[in-house]
Amino acid sequence: MKSDAYFAGNAVFAAFFATFLALPACSFAQNPPPPAALPTAADAPVLIDEAGGWRVLSAGRGANKICYVANQPDAAQPGERRDPRPMLFVAWRPGNAAQNVVTFFPAYRFKPAGEALVEFVPPRTGRLFTTPDAAWAATPEDDGALVLGMRIAHTITIRGLAEDGRAIADTFSLAGFTAASARAMLECGVR
C-alpha cells in the first residue's frame, strides 16, 4: 500500500487536474473556474498533441512540470453527471520521480473505502483504490501494470459503486493511448 504522503500527493494532483479540467484550453470543460482558482499563466496547461481520443498536455515548469494524457469515455452512464467527468488520466512528474500515475475521476461519488475494478479488452484486470472523488492504483508497480495494459488493450472499463450503491461502469477507448503517452513522456523528458 502506498504511504500517506503518496495519497496526499495524489490529492494535490487531483486538485491540480480538477482546476485544469475547467480551463477552456482543455475543451472537456463546460464552465471555467472562478478567477481565484486559476493557476498563473506560466503554470497553465498547454495542449501539446492529440492521438485518437487522447489529449496530451503539460503544465508547470522546472521541477514542477507535469505531462499527462487525458480521455473521456466513448459513452457516459445515464444519471448523475459532473461535467467534465468521467475522465481518465495518466501523468508523468519527473521532478517528483512519478511515472505512469493512473487517475480516474468518476462522474459520481464513489462509495467510501471502496475499490474500482479495471477490465481490459483483450482480457486483463486490475484494481484501483477509491476516494469519494477519484481512484488510483495502490502502488507504483500497479500503475506500471495498468499503463502496460493500456498500451496493449483496445478498451479499458472502470467499474465502481456509487455512494448510493449503484454499480457504474465507464469504458474508454485506448486507440491513440500509446502514441499520446509516448508524446507526453518525450515532452517531460521521461525515458
Protein backbone atom coordinates (compact mmCIF):
# COMPACT_ATOMS: atom_id res chain seq x y z
CA MET A 1 0.00 0.00 0.00
CA LYS A 2 1.25 3.50 -0.78
CA SER A 3 2.21 5.79 2.06
CA ASP A 4 0.02 8.61 3.32
CA ALA A 5 2.43 11.01 1.61
CA TYR A 6 1.74 9.33 -1.73
CA PHE A 7 -2.02 9.74 -1.35
CA ALA A 8 -1.61 13.30 -0.06
CA GLY A 9 0.45 13.98 -3.18
CA ASN A 10 -2.30 12.44 -5.30
CA ALA A 11 -4.89 14.60 -3.55
CA VAL A 12 -2.88 17.65 -4.61
CA PHE A 13 -2.54 16.06 -8.04
CA ALA A 14 -6.34 15.59 -8.20
CA ALA A 15 -6.96 19.22 -7.24
CA PHE A 16 -4.38 20.30 -9.83
CA PHE A 17 -6.17 18.36 -12.55
CA ALA A 18 -9.62 19.41 -11.42
CA THR A 19 -8.56 23.04 -11.87
CA PHE A 20 -7.10 22.36 -15.30
CA LEU A 21 -10.11 20.37 -16.43
CA ALA A 22 -12.14 23.53 -16.15
CA LEU A 23 -9.83 25.64 -18.31
CA PRO A 24 -11.14 26.47 -21.79
CA ALA A 25 -7.89 25.19 -23.39
CA CYS A 26 -8.94 21.71 -22.29
CA SER A 27 -12.25 21.75 -24.13
CA PHE A 28 -13.58 18.94 -21.95
CA ALA A 29 -14.99 21.56 -19.57
CA GLN A 30 -18.29 23.35 -19.74
CA ASN A 31 -17.59 26.16 -17.26
CA PRO A 32 -14.29 27.82 -16.28
CA PRO A 33 -13.39 28.04 -12.58
CA PRO A 34 -13.66 31.30 -10.68
CA PRO A 35 -10.68 33.61 -11.35
CA ALA A 36 -9.16 32.98 -7.90
CA ALA A 37 -8.88 29.25 -8.73
CA LEU A 38 -6.90 29.76 -11.93
CA PRO A 39 -3.18 28.98 -11.93
CA THR A 40 -0.70 31.54 -13.20
CA ALA A 41 -0.23 31.77 -16.98
CA ALA A 42 3.17 30.08 -16.70
CA ASP A 43 1.57 27.09 -14.96
CA ALA A 44 -1.48 26.79 -17.19
CA PRO A 45 -1.82 23.59 -19.21
CA VAL A 46 -0.74 23.61 -22.81
CA LEU A 47 -2.22 21.26 -25.36
CA ILE A 48 0.76 19.52 -26.95
CA ASP A 49 -0.87 16.95 -29.22
CA GLU A 50 -3.83 14.63 -29.72
CA ALA A 51 -3.91 10.96 -30.66
CA GLY A 52 -7.19 9.12 -31.02
CA GLY A 53 -9.40 10.49 -28.25
CA TRP A 54 -6.37 11.17 -26.03
CA ARG A 55 -5.13 14.71 -25.40
CA VAL A 56 -1.50 15.34 -24.47
CA LEU A 57 -0.97 18.30 -22.14
CA SER A 58 1.77 19.75 -19.98
CA ALA A 59 1.66 22.29 -17.19
CA GLY A 60 4.08 23.94 -14.84
CA ARG A 61 7.80 24.32 -15.35
CA GLY A 62 11.10 23.12 -13.99
CA ALA A 63 10.80 20.64 -11.13
CA ASN A 64 7.03 21.26 -11.05
CA LYS A 65 6.43 20.33 -14.70
CA ILE A 66 3.80 17.69 -15.26
CA CYS A 67 2.89 15.99 -18.52
CA TYR A 68 -0.27 13.98 -18.89
CA VAL A 69 -2.73 12.37 -21.24
CA ALA A 70 -6.47 12.57 -20.69
CA ASN A 71 -9.54 10.97 -22.21
CA GLN A 72 -13.27 10.70 -21.65
CA PRO A 73 -15.34 7.55 -22.23
CA ASP A 74 -17.00 6.87 -25.56
CA ALA A 75 -20.41 6.83 -23.88
CA ALA A 76 -21.27 8.06 -20.39
CA GLN A 77 -23.58 6.31 -17.95
CA PRO A 78 -27.04 7.85 -17.64
CA GLY A 79 -27.88 9.60 -14.41
CA GLU A 80 -25.81 11.92 -12.27
CA ARG A 81 -23.08 13.61 -14.29
CA ARG A 82 -20.49 16.08 -13.09
CA ASP A 83 -19.00 17.62 -16.23
CA PRO A 84 -16.29 17.23 -17.38
CA ARG A 85 -16.26 13.83 -15.70
CA PRO A 86 -15.73 10.95 -16.08
CA MET A 87 -12.09 11.40 -17.05
CA LEU A 88 -9.10 9.06 -17.16
CA PHE A 89 -5.57 10.47 -16.77
CA VAL A 90 -2.04 9.14 -16.87
CA ALA A 91 0.66 11.55 -15.72
CA TRP A 92 4.43 11.91 -15.52
CA ARG A 93 6.05 14.26 -13.00
CA PRO A 94 9.81 13.84 -13.42
CA GLY A 95 10.57 16.40 -10.69
CA ASN A 96 8.79 14.10 -8.20
CA ALA A 97 10.04 10.86 -9.80
CA ALA A 98 6.42 9.96 -10.56
CA GLN A 99 5.75 7.97 -13.72
CA ASN A 100 2.67 6.29 -15.17
CA VAL A 101 0.37 7.70 -12.45
CA VAL A 102 -3.12 6.49 -13.37
CA THR A 103 -6.03 8.54 -12.03
CA PHE A 104 -9.74 8.14 -12.71
CA PHE A 105 -12.21 10.90 -11.93
CA PRO A 106 -15.77 9.49 -11.93
CA ALA A 107 -18.98 11.31 -12.81
CA TYR A 108 -20.40 10.17 -9.47
CA ARG A 109 -19.10 9.86 -5.91
CA PHE A 110 -17.55 6.51 -5.06
CA LYS A 111 -18.84 4.56 -2.08
CA PRO A 112 -16.43 5.28 0.83
CA ALA A 113 -13.46 2.91 1.31
CA GLY A 114 -14.20 1.06 -1.89
CA GLU A 115 -12.35 -0.35 -4.84
CA ALA A 116 -12.88 0.05 -8.54
CA LEU A 117 -12.30 -2.88 -10.86
CA VAL A 118 -10.35 -2.26 -14.06
CA GLU A 119 -11.06 -4.52 -17.03
CA PHE A 120 -9.24 -4.53 -20.35
CA VAL A 121 -10.18 -5.97 -23.73
CA PRO A 122 -8.38 -8.24 -24.54
CA PRO A 123 -8.86 -9.70 -21.04
CA ARG A 124 -6.72 -8.37 -18.22
CA THR A 125 -7.80 -6.90 -14.86
CA GLY A 126 -6.60 -4.57 -12.13
CA ARG A 127 -7.92 -2.64 -9.15
CA LEU A 128 -7.96 0.99 -8.08
CA PHE A 129 -8.17 2.41 -4.56
CA THR A 130 -11.08 4.88 -4.34
CA THR A 131 -11.78 8.11 -2.54
CA PRO A 132 -15.19 9.73 -2.99
CA ASP A 133 -13.98 11.79 -5.98
CA ALA A 134 -11.19 9.76 -7.62
CA ALA A 135 -9.44 6.41 -7.89
CA TRP A 136 -5.74 5.49 -8.03
CA ALA A 137 -3.59 2.39 -8.18
CA ALA A 138 -2.32 1.19 -4.79
CA THR A 139 1.37 1.08 -5.74
CA PRO A 140 3.69 2.46 -8.42
CA GLU A 141 4.04 -1.12 -9.67
CA ASP A 142 0.26 -1.31 -10.10
CA ASP A 143 0.38 1.98 -12.04
CA GLY A 144 3.02 0.48 -14.33
CA ALA A 145 0.96 -2.68 -14.89
CA LEU A 146 -2.14 -0.61 -15.70
CA VAL A 147 -0.23 1.53 -18.21
CA LEU A 148 1.22 -1.59 -19.83
CA GLY A 149 -2.33 -2.95 -20.12
CA MET A 150 -3.46 0.34 -21.63
CA ARG A 151 -0.74 0.14 -24.26
CA ILE A 152 -1.75 -3.33 -25.45
CA ALA A 153 -5.53 -3.35 -24.96
CA HIS A 154 -8.32 -1.90 -27.10
CA THR A 155 -10.55 -0.64 -24.29
CA ILE A 156 -10.48 -0.15 -20.54
CA THR A 157 -13.59 -0.31 -18.35
CA ILE A 158 -13.59 1.03 -14.81
CA ARG A 159 -16.36 -0.36 -12.59
CA GLY A 160 -17.22 1.03 -9.19
CA LEU A 161 -20.01 1.52 -6.71
CA ALA A 162 -21.55 4.95 -6.32
CA GLU A 163 -22.32 6.31 -2.84
CA ASP A 164 -25.94 5.24 -3.28
CA GLY A 165 -24.88 1.65 -4.11
CA ARG A 166 -25.43 1.82 -7.87
CA ALA A 167 -22.98 -0.18 -9.96
CA ILE A 168 -21.39 2.13 -12.53
CA ALA A 169 -19.08 1.34 -15.46
CA ASP A 170 -17.22 3.73 -17.74
CA THR A 171 -15.47 2.39 -20.86
CA PHE A 172 -12.65 4.28 -22.55
CA SER A 173 -11.16 3.60 -25.97
CA LEU A 174 -7.41 3.09 -25.86
CA ALA A 175 -6.94 3.96 -29.53
CA GLY A 176 -4.13 6.51 -29.60
CA PHE A 177 -3.04 5.95 -26.00
CA THR A 178 0.39 4.53 -26.87
CA ALA A 179 1.23 7.46 -29.18
CA ALA A 180 -0.18 10.01 -26.73
CA SER A 181 1.72 8.60 -23.76
CA ALA A 182 4.96 8.47 -25.79
CA ARG A 183 4.49 12.13 -26.72
CA ALA A 184 3.82 13.13 -23.09
CA MET A 185 6.91 11.27 -21.91
CA LEU A 186 9.00 12.97 -24.61
CA GLU A 187 7.64 16.38 -23.56
CA CYS A 188 8.68 15.76 -19.93
CA GLY A 189 11.99 14.06 -20.77
CA VAL A 190 10.93 10.71 -19.30
CA ARG A 191 12.75 7.65 -20.63
